[in-house]
Amino acid sequence: MCHNLLMPSVNMRQLRDTKKLKAWLRAGKTVELRERDTLIARIVPENEEQKRPVQYPDFAARRREIFGDRLLPIVEDLINDRGRY
């Protein structure tokens, strides 16, 4: 029976106490989930770095660079070819 004293651990019954669990996770601590002193899982807090929004390229600028100011009536042609709409 070896517990990591630096890492908080809870058993399945203690998991109901979400206040303590949330406090540990907000503090950036990884929490061990145990059943009868057997490690089942580790609950890892999400890094703030991973929450940054994704920087998408400027697709409109790319389209203008490739095609210029031309209008491409592809959608209208597709609708006319299908004749369903």
N, C-alpha and C. Protein backbone atom coordinates (compact mmCIF):
# COMPACT_ATOMS: atom_id res chain seq x y z
N MET A 1 0.84 -1.16 0.00
CA MET A 1 0.00 0.00 0.00
C MET A 1 0.89 1.23 0.00
N CYS A 2 1.04 1.84 -1.17
CA CYS A 2 1.89 3.01 -1.30
C CYS A 2 1.06 4.15 -1.88
N HIS A 3 0.94 5.23 -1.12
CA HIS A 3 0.19 6.40 -1.57
C HIS A 3 1.15 7.53 -1.84
N ASN A 4 0.87 8.27 -2.84
CA ASN A 4 1.64 9.46 -3.12
C ASN A 4 1.11 10.58 -2.23
N LEU A 5 1.88 11.02 -1.27
CA LEU A 5 1.40 12.01 -0.31
C LEU A 5 1.29 13.40 -0.92
N LEU A 6 1.95 13.64 -2.04
CA LEU A 6 1.87 14.95 -2.67
C LEU A 6 0.63 15.09 -3.55
N MET A 7 0.04 13.97 -3.94
CA MET A 7 -1.10 13.99 -4.83
C MET A 7 -2.35 13.61 -4.03
N PRO A 8 -3.38 14.46 -4.06
CA PRO A 8 -4.61 14.10 -3.34
C PRO A 8 -5.24 12.85 -3.94
N SER A 9 -5.88 12.07 -3.08
CA SER A 9 -6.53 10.87 -3.59
C SER A 9 -7.90 10.74 -2.93
N VAL A 10 -8.86 10.22 -3.68
CA VAL A 10 -10.20 9.97 -3.17
C VAL A 10 -10.60 8.57 -3.56
N ASN A 11 -11.50 7.97 -2.75
CA ASN A 11 -12.03 6.68 -3.15
C ASN A 11 -13.39 6.92 -3.77
N MET A 12 -14.04 5.85 -4.21
CA MET A 12 -15.28 5.98 -4.95
C MET A 12 -16.37 6.66 -4.11
N ARG A 13 -16.44 6.38 -2.83
CA ARG A 13 -17.46 7.01 -1.98
C ARG A 13 -17.17 8.49 -1.76
N GLN A 14 -15.91 8.83 -1.61
CA GLN A 14 -15.54 10.23 -1.39
C GLN A 14 -15.70 11.07 -2.64
N LEU A 15 -15.86 10.43 -3.77
CA LEU A 15 -16.01 11.15 -5.02
C LEU A 15 -17.28 12.00 -5.04
N ARG A 16 -18.22 11.68 -4.18
CA ARG A 16 -19.46 12.46 -4.10
C ARG A 16 -19.21 13.87 -3.59
N ASP A 17 -18.15 14.07 -2.84
CA ASP A 17 -17.82 15.40 -2.31
C ASP A 17 -17.14 16.20 -3.42
N THR A 18 -17.96 16.80 -4.28
CA THR A 18 -17.41 17.48 -5.44
C THR A 18 -16.75 18.80 -5.08
N LYS A 19 -17.09 19.40 -3.95
CA LYS A 19 -16.47 20.68 -3.57
C LYS A 19 -14.97 20.52 -3.38
N LYS A 20 -14.59 19.49 -2.66
CA LYS A 20 -13.17 19.25 -2.42
C LYS A 20 -12.45 18.90 -3.72
N LEU A 21 -13.09 18.05 -4.53
CA LEU A 21 -12.51 17.64 -5.80
C LEU A 21 -12.31 18.84 -6.71
N LYS A 22 -13.33 19.70 -6.83
CA LYS A 22 -13.23 20.90 -7.66
C LYS A 22 -12.13 21.83 -7.16
N ALA A 23 -12.02 21.96 -5.86
CA ALA A 23 -10.98 22.84 -5.29
C ALA A 23 -9.59 22.34 -5.66
N TRP A 24 -9.38 21.04 -5.56
CA TRP A 24 -8.08 20.48 -5.92
C TRP A 24 -7.78 20.70 -7.40
N LEU A 25 -8.78 20.43 -8.25
CA LEU A 25 -8.57 20.56 -9.69
C LEU A 25 -8.34 22.02 -10.09
N ARG A 26 -9.07 22.95 -9.48
CA ARG A 26 -8.85 24.37 -9.77
C ARG A 26 -7.47 24.83 -9.32
N ALA A 27 -6.95 24.18 -8.29
CA ALA A 27 -5.61 24.51 -7.81
C ALA A 27 -4.53 23.88 -8.69
N GLY A 28 -4.95 23.11 -9.69
CA GLY A 28 -3.98 22.52 -10.61
C GLY A 28 -3.43 21.19 -10.16
N LYS A 29 -4.05 20.56 -9.17
CA LYS A 29 -3.55 19.28 -8.66
C LYS A 29 -4.21 18.11 -9.39
N THR A 30 -3.44 17.09 -9.65
CA THR A 30 -3.97 15.85 -10.20
C THR A 30 -4.50 15.01 -9.04
N VAL A 31 -5.68 14.43 -9.20
CA VAL A 31 -6.32 13.68 -8.13
C VAL A 31 -6.36 12.21 -8.52
N GLU A 32 -5.96 11.35 -7.59
CA GLU A 32 -6.00 9.90 -7.82
C GLU A 32 -7.36 9.36 -7.38
N LEU A 33 -7.94 8.51 -8.19
CA LEU A 33 -9.19 7.84 -7.85
C LEU A 33 -8.85 6.40 -7.51
N ARG A 34 -9.20 6.00 -6.28
CA ARG A 34 -8.81 4.68 -5.78
C ARG A 34 -10.03 3.88 -5.35
N GLU A 35 -9.88 2.57 -5.43
CA GLU A 35 -10.86 1.65 -4.89
C GLU A 35 -10.10 0.60 -4.10
N ARG A 36 -10.31 0.60 -2.78
CA ARG A 36 -9.60 -0.31 -1.88
C ARG A 36 -8.09 -0.25 -2.09
N ASP A 37 -7.57 0.95 -2.03
CA ASP A 37 -6.13 1.21 -2.15
C ASP A 37 -5.54 0.80 -3.49
N THR A 38 -6.38 0.56 -4.49
CA THR A 38 -5.90 0.27 -5.83
C THR A 38 -6.20 1.46 -6.72
N LEU A 39 -5.18 1.96 -7.35
CA LEU A 39 -5.33 3.11 -8.22
C LEU A 39 -6.15 2.72 -9.45
N ILE A 40 -7.26 3.44 -9.67
CA ILE A 40 -8.12 3.18 -10.83
C ILE A 40 -7.83 4.19 -11.93
N ALA A 41 -7.74 5.46 -11.54
CA ALA A 41 -7.56 6.51 -12.54
C ALA A 41 -6.95 7.73 -11.90
N ARG A 42 -6.50 8.62 -12.75
CA ARG A 42 -6.03 9.94 -12.31
C ARG A 42 -6.88 10.98 -13.01
N ILE A 43 -7.41 11.92 -12.24
CA ILE A 43 -8.19 13.01 -12.81
C ILE A 43 -7.23 14.19 -12.94
N VAL A 44 -6.99 14.59 -14.17
CA VAL A 44 -6.00 15.63 -14.45
C VAL A 44 -6.71 16.92 -14.82
N PRO A 45 -6.34 18.05 -14.19
CA PRO A 45 -6.98 19.31 -14.54
C PRO A 45 -6.57 19.76 -15.94
N GLU A 46 -7.46 20.47 -16.59
CA GLU A 46 -7.18 20.97 -17.92
C GLU A 46 -6.25 22.17 -17.82
N ASN A 47 -5.27 22.19 -18.69
CA ASN A 47 -4.32 23.31 -18.70
C ASN A 47 -4.97 24.54 -19.30
N GLU A 48 -4.65 25.69 -18.76
CA GLU A 48 -5.16 26.94 -19.31
C GLU A 48 -4.60 27.19 -20.71
N GLU A 49 -3.41 26.68 -20.97
CA GLU A 49 -2.78 26.87 -22.27
C GLU A 49 -3.58 26.19 -23.37
N GLN A 50 -4.24 25.08 -23.05
CA GLN A 50 -5.00 24.34 -24.04
C GLN A 50 -6.32 25.02 -24.36
N LYS A 51 -6.76 25.97 -23.53
CA LYS A 51 -8.03 26.64 -23.74
C LYS A 51 -7.95 27.80 -24.71
N ARG A 52 -6.75 28.14 -25.16
CA ARG A 52 -6.61 29.25 -26.08
C ARG A 52 -7.38 28.98 -27.36
N PRO A 53 -8.02 30.00 -27.92
CA PRO A 53 -8.75 29.78 -29.17
C PRO A 53 -7.80 29.45 -30.31
N VAL A 54 -8.29 28.66 -31.22
CA VAL A 54 -7.50 28.24 -32.37
C VAL A 54 -7.41 29.41 -33.35
N GLN A 55 -6.22 29.64 -33.87
CA GLN A 55 -6.02 30.70 -34.84
C GLN A 55 -6.20 30.12 -36.24
N TYR A 56 -7.34 30.39 -36.85
CA TYR A 56 -7.61 29.91 -38.19
C TYR A 56 -7.03 30.88 -39.21
N PRO A 57 -6.60 30.39 -40.36
CA PRO A 57 -6.10 31.29 -41.40
C PRO A 57 -7.24 32.12 -41.98
N ASP A 58 -6.90 33.22 -42.60
CA ASP A 58 -7.89 34.09 -43.22
C ASP A 58 -8.26 33.50 -44.58
N PHE A 59 -9.33 32.70 -44.60
CA PHE A 59 -9.72 32.00 -45.82
C PHE A 59 -10.20 32.97 -46.89
N ALA A 60 -10.86 34.04 -46.49
CA ALA A 60 -11.34 35.02 -47.48
C ALA A 60 -10.16 35.67 -48.19
N ALA A 61 -9.10 35.98 -47.45
CA ALA A 61 -7.92 36.58 -48.07
C ALA A 61 -7.25 35.59 -49.02
N ARG A 62 -7.21 34.32 -48.63
CA ARG A 62 -6.63 33.30 -49.52
C ARG A 62 -7.43 33.19 -50.81
N ARG A 63 -8.77 33.19 -50.67
CA ARG A 63 -9.61 33.09 -51.86
C ARG A 63 -9.37 34.28 -52.79
N ARG A 64 -9.29 35.49 -52.21
CA ARG A 64 -9.03 36.67 -53.04
C ARG A 64 -7.66 36.59 -53.71
N GLU A 65 -6.69 36.04 -53.00
CA GLU A 65 -5.34 35.90 -53.56
C GLU A 65 -5.33 34.92 -54.73
N ILE A 66 -6.09 33.85 -54.62
CA ILE A 66 -6.10 32.83 -55.67
C ILE A 66 -6.99 33.23 -56.83
N PHE A 67 -8.22 33.66 -56.55
CA PHE A 67 -9.21 33.90 -57.59
C PHE A 67 -9.42 35.37 -57.92
N GLY A 68 -8.89 36.25 -57.12
CA GLY A 68 -9.12 37.68 -57.35
C GLY A 68 -10.55 38.04 -57.01
N ASP A 69 -11.14 38.94 -57.81
CA ASP A 69 -12.50 39.39 -57.55
C ASP A 69 -13.53 38.63 -58.37
N ARG A 70 -13.14 37.55 -59.01
CA ARG A 70 -14.08 36.78 -59.82
C ARG A 70 -15.13 36.13 -58.93
N LEU A 71 -16.35 36.08 -59.41
CA LEU A 71 -17.41 35.35 -58.74
C LEU A 71 -17.53 33.99 -59.39
N LEU A 72 -17.55 32.98 -58.59
CA LEU A 72 -17.63 31.61 -59.10
C LEU A 72 -19.04 31.08 -58.84
N PRO A 73 -19.83 30.94 -59.88
CA PRO A 73 -21.23 30.51 -59.70
C PRO A 73 -21.37 28.99 -59.56
N ILE A 74 -20.51 28.38 -58.78
CA ILE A 74 -20.51 26.93 -58.65
C ILE A 74 -21.79 26.45 -57.96
N VAL A 75 -22.20 27.12 -56.92
CA VAL A 75 -23.38 26.68 -56.19
C VAL A 75 -24.62 26.77 -57.06
N GLU A 76 -24.75 27.87 -57.78
CA GLU A 76 -25.92 28.02 -58.66
C GLU A 76 -25.92 26.96 -59.75
N ASP A 77 -24.76 26.65 -60.31
CA ASP A 77 -24.67 25.60 -61.33
C ASP A 77 -25.06 24.23 -60.76
N LEU A 78 -24.64 23.96 -59.55
CA LEU A 78 -24.96 22.70 -58.91
C LEU A 78 -26.47 22.58 -58.69
N ILE A 79 -27.09 23.65 -58.21
CA ILE A 79 -28.54 23.65 -57.99
C ILE A 79 -29.27 23.45 -59.30
N ASN A 80 -28.85 24.14 -60.35
CA ASN A 80 -29.50 24.00 -61.67
C ASN A 80 -29.32 22.59 -62.24
N ASP A 81 -28.14 22.00 -62.03
CA ASP A 81 -27.90 20.65 -62.55
C ASP A 81 -28.77 19.61 -61.84
N ARG A 82 -28.96 19.77 -60.57
CA ARG A 82 -29.76 18.80 -59.82
C ARG A 82 -31.24 18.99 -60.08
N GLY A 83 -31.67 20.22 -60.20
CA GLY A 83 -33.07 20.49 -60.50
C GLY A 83 -34.02 20.16 -59.36
N ARG A 84 -33.55 19.84 -58.20
CA ARG A 84 -34.41 19.47 -57.08
C ARG A 84 -34.85 20.68 -56.27
N TYR A 85 -34.08 21.69 -56.28
CA TYR A 85 -34.34 22.79 -55.37
C TYR A 85 -35.04 23.86 -56.12
